[in-house]
Amino acid sequence: ATPFLVRSAKSLVKNWVQVNTSVSFE
C-alpha cells in the first residue's frame, strides 16, 4: 500500500495529478 499520510504525521496528502513509471534496463 502507498501511504500518503505517514505515521510521523508528515502529511503527504497532495493533489496528485499524474503517476509516471520509468524502466531502466541496465
mmCIF file of all heavy atoms, coordinates in Angstrom:
data_MODEL
# 
_entry.id   MODEL 
# 
loop_
_atom_site.group_PDB 
_atom_site.id 
_atom_site.type_symbol 
_atom_site.label_atom_id 
_atom_site.label_alt_id 
_atom_site.label_comp_id 
_atom_site.label_asym_id 
_atom_site.label_entity_id 
_atom_site.label_seq_id 
_atom_site.pdbx_PDB_ins_code 
_atom_site.Cartn_x 
_atom_site.Cartn_y 
_atom_site.Cartn_z 
_atom_site.occupancy 
_atom_site.B_iso_or_equiv 
_atom_site.pdbx_formal_charge 
_atom_site.auth_seq_id 
_atom_site.auth_comp_id 
_atom_site.auth_asym_id 
_atom_site.auth_atom_id 
_atom_site.pdbx_PDB_model_num 
ATOM 1   N N   . ALA A 1 1  ? 0.841  -1.188 0.000   1.00 0.00 ? 1  ALA A N   1 
ATOM 2   C CA  . ALA A 1 1  ? 0.000  0.000  0.000   1.00 0.00 ? 1  ALA A CA  1 
ATOM 3   C C   . ALA A 1 1  ? 0.881  1.244  0.000   1.00 0.00 ? 1  ALA A C   1 
ATOM 4   O O   . ALA A 1 1  ? 1.908  1.286  0.666   1.00 0.00 ? 1  ALA A O   1 
ATOM 5   C CB  . ALA A 1 1  ? -0.909 0.004  1.223   1.00 0.00 ? 1  ALA A CB  1 
ATOM 6   N N   . THR A 1 2  ? 0.498  2.256  -0.752  1.00 0.00 ? 2  THR A N   1 
ATOM 7   C CA  . THR A 1 2  ? 1.241  3.504  -0.820  1.00 0.00 ? 2  THR A CA  1 
ATOM 8   C C   . THR A 1 2  ? 0.710  4.474  0.226   1.00 0.00 ? 2  THR A C   1 
ATOM 9   O O   . THR A 1 2  ? -0.426 4.941  0.119   1.00 0.00 ? 2  THR A O   1 
ATOM 10  C CB  . THR A 1 2  ? 1.126  4.132  -2.221  1.00 0.00 ? 2  THR A CB  1 
ATOM 11  O OG1 . THR A 1 2  ? 1.682  3.231  -3.185  1.00 0.00 ? 2  THR A OG1 1 
ATOM 12  C CG2 . THR A 1 2  ? 1.873  5.450  -2.283  1.00 0.00 ? 2  THR A CG2 1 
ATOM 13  N N   . PRO A 1 3  ? 1.502  4.786  1.285   1.00 0.00 ? 3  PRO A N   1 
ATOM 14  C CA  . PRO A 1 3  ? 0.998  5.639  2.368   1.00 0.00 ? 3  PRO A CA  1 
ATOM 15  C C   . PRO A 1 3  ? 1.175  7.119  2.052   1.00 0.00 ? 3  PRO A C   1 
ATOM 16  O O   . PRO A 1 3  ? 2.289  7.621  1.994   1.00 0.00 ? 3  PRO A O   1 
ATOM 17  C CB  . PRO A 1 3  ? 1.880  5.236  3.554   1.00 0.00 ? 3  PRO A CB  1 
ATOM 18  C CG  . PRO A 1 3  ? 3.182  4.845  2.918   1.00 0.00 ? 3  PRO A CG  1 
ATOM 19  C CD  . PRO A 1 3  ? 2.861  4.299  1.541   1.00 0.00 ? 3  PRO A CD  1 
ATOM 20  N N   . PHE A 1 4  ? 0.091  7.804  1.851   1.00 0.00 ? 4  PHE A N   1 
ATOM 21  C CA  . PHE A 1 4  ? 0.166  9.240  1.624   1.00 0.00 ? 4  PHE A CA  1 
ATOM 22  C C   . PHE A 1 4  ? -0.007 10.038 2.909   1.00 0.00 ? 4  PHE A C   1 
ATOM 23  O O   . PHE A 1 4  ? 0.039  11.245 2.917   1.00 0.00 ? 4  PHE A O   1 
ATOM 24  C CB  . PHE A 1 4  ? -0.878 9.672  0.598   1.00 0.00 ? 4  PHE A CB  1 
ATOM 25  C CG  . PHE A 1 4  ? -0.518 9.259  -0.802  1.00 0.00 ? 4  PHE A CG  1 
ATOM 26  C CD1 . PHE A 1 4  ? -1.473 8.772  -1.660  1.00 0.00 ? 4  PHE A CD1 1 
ATOM 27  C CD2 . PHE A 1 4  ? 0.792  9.340  -1.247  1.00 0.00 ? 4  PHE A CD2 1 
ATOM 28  C CE1 . PHE A 1 4  ? -1.147 8.388  -2.944  1.00 0.00 ? 4  PHE A CE1 1 
ATOM 29  C CE2 . PHE A 1 4  ? 1.128  8.946  -2.533  1.00 0.00 ? 4  PHE A CE2 1 
ATOM 30  C CZ  . PHE A 1 4  ? 0.153  8.475  -3.389  1.00 0.00 ? 4  PHE A CZ  1 
ATOM 31  N N   . LEU A 1 5  ? -0.244 9.373  4.014   1.00 0.00 ? 5  LEU A N   1 
ATOM 32  C CA  . LEU A 1 5  ? -0.198 10.008 5.324   1.00 0.00 ? 5  LEU A CA  1 
ATOM 33  C C   . LEU A 1 5  ? 0.563  9.074  6.245   1.00 0.00 ? 5  LEU A C   1 
ATOM 34  O O   . LEU A 1 5  ? 0.071  8.011  6.612   1.00 0.00 ? 5  LEU A O   1 
ATOM 35  C CB  . LEU A 1 5  ? -1.616 10.271 5.864   1.00 0.00 ? 5  LEU A CB  1 
ATOM 36  C CG  . LEU A 1 5  ? -1.712 11.051 7.177   1.00 0.00 ? 5  LEU A CG  1 
ATOM 37  C CD1 . LEU A 1 5  ? -1.175 12.462 6.974   1.00 0.00 ? 5  LEU A CD1 1 
ATOM 38  C CD2 . LEU A 1 5  ? -3.154 11.129 7.667   1.00 0.00 ? 5  LEU A CD2 1 
ATOM 39  N N   . VAL A 1 6  ? 1.803  9.428  6.561   1.00 0.00 ? 6  VAL A N   1 
ATOM 40  C CA  . VAL A 1 6  ? 2.668  8.528  7.298   1.00 0.00 ? 6  VAL A CA  1 
ATOM 41  C C   . VAL A 1 6  ? 2.539  8.742  8.787   1.00 0.00 ? 6  VAL A C   1 
ATOM 42  O O   . VAL A 1 6  ? 2.046  9.775  9.251   1.00 0.00 ? 6  VAL A O   1 
ATOM 43  C CB  . VAL A 1 6  ? 4.138  8.681  6.856   1.00 0.00 ? 6  VAL A CB  1 
ATOM 44  C CG1 . VAL A 1 6  ? 4.297  8.249  5.444   1.00 0.00 ? 6  VAL A CG1 1 
ATOM 45  C CG2 . VAL A 1 6  ? 4.628  10.078 7.057   1.00 0.00 ? 6  VAL A CG2 1 
ATOM 46  N N   . ARG A 1 7  ? 3.002  7.759  9.545   1.00 0.00 ? 7  ARG A N   1 
ATOM 47  C CA  . ARG A 1 7  ? 2.826  7.773  10.988  1.00 0.00 ? 7  ARG A CA  1 
ATOM 48  C C   . ARG A 1 7  ? 3.559  8.904  11.674  1.00 0.00 ? 7  ARG A C   1 
ATOM 49  O O   . ARG A 1 7  ? 3.207  9.311  12.777  1.00 0.00 ? 7  ARG A O   1 
ATOM 50  C CB  . ARG A 1 7  ? 3.286  6.433  11.553  1.00 0.00 ? 7  ARG A CB  1 
ATOM 51  C CG  . ARG A 1 7  ? 2.400  5.271  11.120  1.00 0.00 ? 7  ARG A CG  1 
ATOM 52  C CD  . ARG A 1 7  ? 2.948  3.948  11.627  1.00 0.00 ? 7  ARG A CD  1 
ATOM 53  N NE  . ARG A 1 7  ? 2.131  2.834  11.178  1.00 0.00 ? 7  ARG A NE  1 
ATOM 54  C CZ  . ARG A 1 7  ? 2.448  1.564  11.355  1.00 0.00 ? 7  ARG A CZ  1 
ATOM 55  N NH1 . ARG A 1 7  ? 3.558  1.264  11.969  1.00 0.00 ? 7  ARG A NH1 1 
ATOM 56  N NH2 . ARG A 1 7  ? 1.663  0.605  10.913  1.00 0.00 ? 7  ARG A NH2 1 
ATOM 57  N N   . SER A 1 8  ? 4.603  9.411  11.041  1.00 0.00 ? 8  SER A N   1 
ATOM 58  C CA  . SER A 1 8  ? 5.347  10.507 11.646  1.00 0.00 ? 8  SER A CA  1 
ATOM 59  C C   . SER A 1 8  ? 4.574  11.811 11.597  1.00 0.00 ? 8  SER A C   1 
ATOM 60  O O   . SER A 1 8  ? 5.080  12.844 12.019  1.00 0.00 ? 8  SER A O   1 
ATOM 61  C CB  . SER A 1 8  ? 6.688  10.678 10.935  1.00 0.00 ? 8  SER A CB  1 
ATOM 62  O OG  . SER A 1 8  ? 6.486  10.982 9.564   1.00 0.00 ? 8  SER A OG  1 
ATOM 63  N N   . ALA A 1 9  ? 3.358  11.758 11.088  1.00 0.00 ? 9  ALA A N   1 
ATOM 64  C CA  . ALA A 1 9  ? 2.470  12.920 10.994  1.00 0.00 ? 9  ALA A CA  1 
ATOM 65  C C   . ALA A 1 9  ? 2.898  13.913 9.931   1.00 0.00 ? 9  ALA A C   1 
ATOM 66  O O   . ALA A 1 9  ? 2.373  15.014 9.858   1.00 0.00 ? 9  ALA A O   1 
ATOM 67  C CB  . ALA A 1 9  ? 2.335  13.636 12.333  1.00 0.00 ? 9  ALA A CB  1 
ATOM 68  N N   . LYS A 1 10 ? 3.867  13.525 9.094   1.00 0.00 ? 10 LYS A N   1 
ATOM 69  C CA  . LYS A 1 10 ? 4.194  14.365 7.946   1.00 0.00 ? 10 LYS A CA  1 
ATOM 70  C C   . LYS A 1 10 ? 3.141  14.122 6.881   1.00 0.00 ? 10 LYS A C   1 
ATOM 71  O O   . LYS A 1 10 ? 3.013  13.041 6.348   1.00 0.00 ? 10 LYS A O   1 
ATOM 72  C CB  . LYS A 1 10 ? 5.579  14.046 7.406   1.00 0.00 ? 10 LYS A CB  1 
ATOM 73  C CG  . LYS A 1 10 ? 6.715  14.281 8.376   1.00 0.00 ? 10 LYS A CG  1 
ATOM 74  C CD  . LYS A 1 10 ? 8.020  14.018 7.687   1.00 0.00 ? 10 LYS A CD  1 
ATOM 75  C CE  . LYS A 1 10 ? 9.182  14.186 8.628   1.00 0.00 ? 10 LYS A CE  1 
ATOM 76  N NZ  . LYS A 1 10 ? 9.349  13.042 9.457   1.00 0.00 ? 10 LYS A NZ  1 
ATOM 77  N N   . SER A 1 11 ? 2.412  15.121 6.535   1.00 0.00 ? 11 SER A N   1 
ATOM 78  C CA  . SER A 1 11 ? 1.318  14.948 5.596   1.00 0.00 ? 11 SER A CA  1 
ATOM 79  C C   . SER A 1 11 ? 1.840  14.819 4.172   1.00 0.00 ? 11 SER A C   1 
ATOM 80  O O   . SER A 1 11 ? 2.632  15.628 3.715   1.00 0.00 ? 11 SER A O   1 
ATOM 81  C CB  . SER A 1 11 ? 0.344  16.117 5.686   1.00 0.00 ? 11 SER A CB  1 
ATOM 82  O OG  . SER A 1 11 ? -0.672 15.983 4.701   1.00 0.00 ? 11 SER A OG  1 
ATOM 83  N N   . LEU A 1 12 ? 1.419  13.777 3.506   1.00 0.00 ? 12 LEU A N   1 
ATOM 84  C CA  . LEU A 1 12 ? 1.725  13.597 2.099   1.00 0.00 ? 12 LEU A CA  1 
ATOM 85  C C   . LEU A 1 12 ? 0.474  13.694 1.243   1.00 0.00 ? 12 LEU A C   1 
ATOM 86  O O   . LEU A 1 12 ? 0.464  13.286 0.097   1.00 0.00 ? 12 LEU A O   1 
ATOM 87  C CB  . LEU A 1 12 ? 2.387  12.233 1.873   1.00 0.00 ? 12 LEU A CB  1 
ATOM 88  C CG  . LEU A 1 12 ? 3.794  12.068 2.426   1.00 0.00 ? 12 LEU A CG  1 
ATOM 89  C CD1 . LEU A 1 12 ? 4.306  10.674 2.165   1.00 0.00 ? 12 LEU A CD1 1 
ATOM 90  C CD2 . LEU A 1 12 ? 4.726  13.069 1.807   1.00 0.00 ? 12 LEU A CD2 1 
ATOM 91  N N   . VAL A 1 13 ? -0.595 14.209 1.831   1.00 0.00 ? 13 VAL A N   1 
ATOM 92  C CA  . VAL A 1 13 ? -1.840 14.342 1.094   1.00 0.00 ? 13 VAL A CA  1 
ATOM 93  C C   . VAL A 1 13 ? -1.709 15.520 0.139   1.00 0.00 ? 13 VAL A C   1 
ATOM 94  O O   . VAL A 1 13 ? -1.727 16.672 0.537   1.00 0.00 ? 13 VAL A O   1 
ATOM 95  C CB  . VAL A 1 13 ? -3.037 14.529 2.039   1.00 0.00 ? 13 VAL A CB  1 
ATOM 96  C CG1 . VAL A 1 13 ? -4.314 14.699 1.241   1.00 0.00 ? 13 VAL A CG1 1 
ATOM 97  C CG2 . VAL A 1 13 ? -3.165 13.336 2.973   1.00 0.00 ? 13 VAL A CG2 1 
ATOM 98  N N   . LYS A 1 14 ? -1.506 15.238 -1.104  1.00 0.00 ? 14 LYS A N   1 
ATOM 99  C CA  . LYS A 1 14 ? -1.324 16.250 -2.125  1.00 0.00 ? 14 LYS A CA  1 
ATOM 100 C C   . LYS A 1 14 ? -2.370 16.072 -3.206  1.00 0.00 ? 14 LYS A C   1 
ATOM 101 O O   . LYS A 1 14 ? -3.071 15.058 -3.269  1.00 0.00 ? 14 LYS A O   1 
ATOM 102 C CB  . LYS A 1 14 ? 0.081  16.140 -2.752  1.00 0.00 ? 14 LYS A CB  1 
ATOM 103 C CG  . LYS A 1 14 ? 1.233  16.219 -1.766  1.00 0.00 ? 14 LYS A CG  1 
ATOM 104 C CD  . LYS A 1 14 ? 1.455  17.618 -1.278  1.00 0.00 ? 14 LYS A CD  1 
ATOM 105 C CE  . LYS A 1 14 ? 2.656  17.689 -0.354  1.00 0.00 ? 14 LYS A CE  1 
ATOM 106 N NZ  . LYS A 1 14 ? 2.874  19.066 0.172   1.00 0.00 ? 14 LYS A NZ  1 
ATOM 107 N N   . ASN A 1 15 ? -2.461 17.084 -4.034  1.00 0.00 ? 15 ASN A N   1 
ATOM 108 C CA  . ASN A 1 15 ? -3.326 16.977 -5.203  1.00 0.00 ? 15 ASN A CA  1 
ATOM 109 C C   . ASN A 1 15 ? -2.528 16.311 -6.321  1.00 0.00 ? 15 ASN A C   1 
ATOM 110 O O   . ASN A 1 15 ? -2.069 16.934 -7.264  1.00 0.00 ? 15 ASN A O   1 
ATOM 111 C CB  . ASN A 1 15 ? -3.807 18.367 -5.634  1.00 0.00 ? 15 ASN A CB  1 
ATOM 112 C CG  . ASN A 1 15 ? -4.734 18.313 -6.849  1.00 0.00 ? 15 ASN A CG  1 
ATOM 113 O OD1 . ASN A 1 15 ? -5.424 17.314 -7.067  1.00 0.00 ? 15 ASN A OD1 1 
ATOM 114 N ND2 . ASN A 1 15 ? -4.738 19.377 -7.640  1.00 0.00 ? 15 ASN A ND2 1 
ATOM 115 N N   . TRP A 1 16 ? -2.353 14.985 -6.165  1.00 0.00 ? 16 TRP A N   1 
ATOM 116 C CA  . TRP A 1 16 ? -1.567 14.259 -7.156  1.00 0.00 ? 16 TRP A CA  1 
ATOM 117 C C   . TRP A 1 16 ? -2.306 14.241 -8.473  1.00 0.00 ? 16 TRP A C   1 
ATOM 118 O O   . TRP A 1 16 ? -3.459 13.824 -8.547  1.00 0.00 ? 16 TRP A O   1 
ATOM 119 C CB  . TRP A 1 16 ? -1.301 12.822 -6.692  1.00 0.00 ? 16 TRP A CB  1 
ATOM 120 C CG  . TRP A 1 16 ? -0.620 12.718 -5.359  1.00 0.00 ? 16 TRP A CG  1 
ATOM 121 C CD1 . TRP A 1 16 ? -1.145 12.199 -4.212  1.00 0.00 ? 16 TRP A CD1 1 
ATOM 122 C CD2 . TRP A 1 16 ? 0.700  13.142 -5.024  1.00 0.00 ? 16 TRP A CD2 1 
ATOM 123 N NE1 . TRP A 1 16 ? -0.239 12.260 -3.191  1.00 0.00 ? 16 TRP A NE1 1 
ATOM 124 C CE2 . TRP A 1 16 ? 0.919  12.846 -3.662  1.00 0.00 ? 16 TRP A CE2 1 
ATOM 125 C CE3 . TRP A 1 16 ? 1.727  13.746 -5.736  1.00 0.00 ? 16 TRP A CE3 1 
ATOM 126 C CZ2 . TRP A 1 16 ? 2.105  13.121 -3.008  1.00 0.00 ? 16 TRP A CZ2 1 
ATOM 127 C CZ3 . TRP A 1 16 ? 2.918  14.023 -5.077  1.00 0.00 ? 16 TRP A CZ3 1 
ATOM 128 C CH2 . TRP A 1 16 ? 3.099  13.717 -3.743  1.00 0.00 ? 16 TRP A CH2 1 
ATOM 129 N N   . VAL A 1 17 ? -1.661 14.702 -9.537  1.00 0.00 ? 17 VAL A N   1 
ATOM 130 C CA  . VAL A 1 17 ? -2.339 14.838 -10.826 1.00 0.00 ? 17 VAL A CA  1 
ATOM 131 C C   . VAL A 1 17 ? -1.851 13.845 -11.865 1.00 0.00 ? 17 VAL A C   1 
ATOM 132 O O   . VAL A 1 17 ? -2.457 13.694 -12.921 1.00 0.00 ? 17 VAL A O   1 
ATOM 133 C CB  . VAL A 1 17 ? -2.195 16.274 -11.385 1.00 0.00 ? 17 VAL A CB  1 
ATOM 134 C CG1 . VAL A 1 17 ? -2.788 17.285 -10.425 1.00 0.00 ? 17 VAL A CG1 1 
ATOM 135 C CG2 . VAL A 1 17 ? -0.733 16.607 -11.673 1.00 0.00 ? 17 VAL A CG2 1 
ATOM 136 N N   . GLN A 1 18 ? -0.744 13.150 -11.576 1.00 0.00 ? 18 GLN A N   1 
ATOM 137 C CA  . GLN A 1 18 ? -0.175 12.264 -12.581 1.00 0.00 ? 18 GLN A CA  1 
ATOM 138 C C   . GLN A 1 18 ? 0.694  11.215 -11.905 1.00 0.00 ? 18 GLN A C   1 
ATOM 139 O O   . GLN A 1 18 ? 1.341  11.478 -10.889 1.00 0.00 ? 18 GLN A O   1 
ATOM 140 C CB  . GLN A 1 18 ? 0.660  13.069 -13.587 1.00 0.00 ? 18 GLN A CB  1 
ATOM 141 C CG  . GLN A 1 18 ? 1.135  12.290 -14.814 1.00 0.00 ? 18 GLN A CG  1 
ATOM 142 C CD  . GLN A 1 18 ? 1.735  13.216 -15.868 1.00 0.00 ? 18 GLN A CD  1 
ATOM 143 O OE1 . GLN A 1 18 ? 1.137  14.228 -16.219 1.00 0.00 ? 18 GLN A OE1 1 
ATOM 144 N NE2 . GLN A 1 18 ? 2.911  12.874 -16.362 1.00 0.00 ? 18 GLN A NE2 1 
ATOM 145 N N   . VAL A 1 19 ? 0.683  10.003 -12.454 1.00 0.00 ? 19 VAL A N   1 
ATOM 146 C CA  . VAL A 1 19 ? 1.548  8.925  -11.992 1.00 0.00 ? 19 VAL A CA  1 
ATOM 147 C C   . VAL A 1 19 ? 2.440  8.511  -13.161 1.00 0.00 ? 19 VAL A C   1 
ATOM 148 O O   . VAL A 1 19 ? 1.940  8.129  -14.221 1.00 0.00 ? 19 VAL A O   1 
ATOM 149 C CB  . VAL A 1 19 ? 0.749  7.710  -11.489 1.00 0.00 ? 19 VAL A CB  1 
ATOM 150 C CG1 . VAL A 1 19 ? 1.707  6.634  -10.988 1.00 0.00 ? 19 VAL A CG1 1 
ATOM 151 C CG2 . VAL A 1 19 ? -0.221 8.105  -10.390 1.00 0.00 ? 19 VAL A CG2 1 
ATOM 152 N N   . ASN A 1 20 ? 3.752  8.614  -12.987 1.00 0.00 ? 20 ASN A N   1 
ATOM 153 C CA  . ASN A 1 20 ? 4.708  8.269  -14.026 1.00 0.00 ? 20 ASN A CA  1 
ATOM 154 C C   . ASN A 1 20 ? 5.435  6.974  -13.674 1.00 0.00 ? 20 ASN A C   1 
ATOM 155 O O   . ASN A 1 20 ? 5.690  6.692  -12.501 1.00 0.00 ? 20 ASN A O   1 
ATOM 156 C CB  . ASN A 1 20 ? 5.745  9.382  -14.207 1.00 0.00 ? 20 ASN A CB  1 
ATOM 157 C CG  . ASN A 1 20 ? 5.100  10.717 -14.510 1.00 0.00 ? 20 ASN A CG  1 
ATOM 158 O OD1 . ASN A 1 20 ? 4.185  10.807 -15.316 1.00 0.00 ? 20 ASN A OD1 1 
ATOM 159 N ND2 . ASN A 1 20 ? 5.579  11.763 -13.865 1.00 0.00 ? 20 ASN A ND2 1 
ATOM 160 N N   . THR A 1 21 ? 5.779  6.205  -14.679 1.00 0.00 ? 21 THR A N   1 
ATOM 161 C CA  . THR A 1 21 ? 6.520  4.970  -14.488 1.00 0.00 ? 21 THR A CA  1 
ATOM 162 C C   . THR A 1 21 ? 7.725  4.959  -15.424 1.00 0.00 ? 21 THR A C   1 
ATOM 163 O O   . THR A 1 21 ? 7.591  5.222  -16.612 1.00 0.00 ? 21 THR A O   1 
ATOM 164 C CB  . THR A 1 21 ? 5.645  3.734  -14.773 1.00 0.00 ? 21 THR A CB  1 
ATOM 165 O OG1 . THR A 1 21 ? 4.493  3.749  -13.924 1.00 0.00 ? 21 THR A OG1 1 
ATOM 166 C CG2 . THR A 1 21 ? 6.430  2.451  -14.518 1.00 0.00 ? 21 THR A CG2 1 
ATOM 167 N N   . SER A 1 22 ? 8.905  4.674  -14.877 1.00 0.00 ? 22 SER A N   1 
ATOM 168 C CA  . SER A 1 22 ? 10.108 4.562  -15.696 1.00 0.00 ? 22 SER A CA  1 
ATOM 169 C C   . SER A 1 22 ? 10.740 3.194  -15.489 1.00 0.00 ? 22 SER A C   1 
ATOM 170 O O   . SER A 1 22 ? 10.710 2.641  -14.385 1.00 0.00 ? 22 SER A O   1 
ATOM 171 C CB  . SER A 1 22 ? 11.123 5.661  -15.361 1.00 0.00 ? 22 SER A CB  1 
ATOM 172 O OG  . SER A 1 22 ? 11.740 5.434  -14.107 1.00 0.00 ? 22 SER A OG  1 
ATOM 173 N N   . VAL A 1 23 ? 11.303 2.640  -16.542 1.00 0.00 ? 23 VAL A N   1 
ATOM 174 C CA  . VAL A 1 23 ? 12.017 1.364  -16.505 1.00 0.00 ? 23 VAL A CA  1 
ATOM 175 C C   . VAL A 1 23 ? 13.439 1.609  -16.998 1.00 0.00 ? 23 VAL A C   1 
ATOM 176 O O   . VAL A 1 23 ? 13.635 2.144  -18.089 1.00 0.00 ? 23 VAL A O   1 
ATOM 177 C CB  . VAL A 1 23 ? 11.324 0.300  -17.375 1.00 0.00 ? 23 VAL A CB  1 
ATOM 178 C CG1 . VAL A 1 23 ? 12.096 -1.022 -17.295 1.00 0.00 ? 23 VAL A CG1 1 
ATOM 179 C CG2 . VAL A 1 23 ? 9.877  0.098  -16.954 1.00 0.00 ? 23 VAL A CG2 1 
ATOM 180 N N   . SER A 1 24 ? 14.419 1.236  -16.196 1.00 0.00 ? 24 SER A N   1 
ATOM 181 C CA  . SER A 1 24 ? 15.825 1.341  -16.585 1.00 0.00 ? 24 SER A CA  1 
ATOM 182 C C   . SER A 1 24 ? 16.367 -0.068 -16.794 1.00 0.00 ? 24 SER A C   1 
ATOM 183 O O   . SER A 1 24 ? 16.455 -0.856 -15.855 1.00 0.00 ? 24 SER A O   1 
ATOM 184 C CB  . SER A 1 24 ? 16.634 2.068  -15.508 1.00 0.00 ? 24 SER A CB  1 
ATOM 185 O OG  . SER A 1 24 ? 16.151 3.390  -15.322 1.00 0.00 ? 24 SER A OG  1 
ATOM 186 N N   . PHE A 1 25 ? 16.729 -0.384 -18.025 1.00 0.00 ? 25 PHE A N   1 
ATOM 187 C CA  . PHE A 1 25 ? 17.121 -1.746 -18.362 1.00 0.00 ? 25 PHE A CA  1 
ATOM 188 C C   . PHE A 1 25 ? 18.471 -2.143 -17.765 1.00 0.00 ? 25 PHE A C   1 
ATOM 189 O O   . PHE A 1 25 ? 18.695 -3.304 -17.445 1.00 0.00 ? 25 PHE A O   1 
ATOM 190 C CB  . PHE A 1 25 ? 17.167 -1.929 -19.885 1.00 0.00 ? 25 PHE A CB  1 
ATOM 191 C CG  . PHE A 1 25 ? 15.846 -1.711 -20.570 1.00 0.00 ? 25 PHE A CG  1 
ATOM 192 C CD1 . PHE A 1 25 ? 15.705 -0.748 -21.548 1.00 0.00 ? 25 PHE A CD1 1 
ATOM 193 C CD2 . PHE A 1 25 ? 14.745 -2.477 -20.224 1.00 0.00 ? 25 PHE A CD2 1 
ATOM 194 C CE1 . PHE A 1 25 ? 14.502 -0.547 -22.176 1.00 0.00 ? 25 PHE A CE1 1 
ATOM 195 C CE2 . PHE A 1 25 ? 13.517 -2.283 -20.850 1.00 0.00 ? 25 PHE A CE2 1 
ATOM 196 C CZ  . PHE A 1 25 ? 13.393 -1.315 -21.822 1.00 0.00 ? 25 PHE A CZ  1 
ATOM 197 N N   . GLU A 1 26 ? 19.367 -1.188 -17.633 1.00 0.00 ? 26 GLU A N   1 
ATOM 198 C CA  . GLU A 1 26 ? 20.729 -1.523 -17.222 1.00 0.00 ? 26 GLU A CA  1 
ATOM 199 C C   . GLU A 1 26 ? 21.037 -0.995 -15.834 1.00 0.00 ? 26 GLU A C   1 
ATOM 200 O O   . GLU A 1 26 ? 20.520 0.039  -15.413 1.00 0.00 ? 26 GLU A O   1 
ATOM 201 C CB  . GLU A 1 26 ? 21.738 -0.954 -18.228 1.00 0.00 ? 26 GLU A CB  1 
ATOM 202 C CG  . GLU A 1 26 ? 21.625 -1.544 -19.626 1.00 0.00 ? 26 GLU A CG  1 
ATOM 203 C CD  . GLU A 1 26 ? 22.731 -1.071 -20.546 1.00 0.00 ? 26 GLU A CD  1 
ATOM 204 O OE1 . GLU A 1 26 ? 23.892 -1.033 -20.106 1.00 0.00 ? 26 GLU A OE1 1 
ATOM 205 O OE2 . GLU A 1 26 ? 22.419 -0.721 -21.700 1.00 0.00 ? 26 GLU A OE2 1 
# 
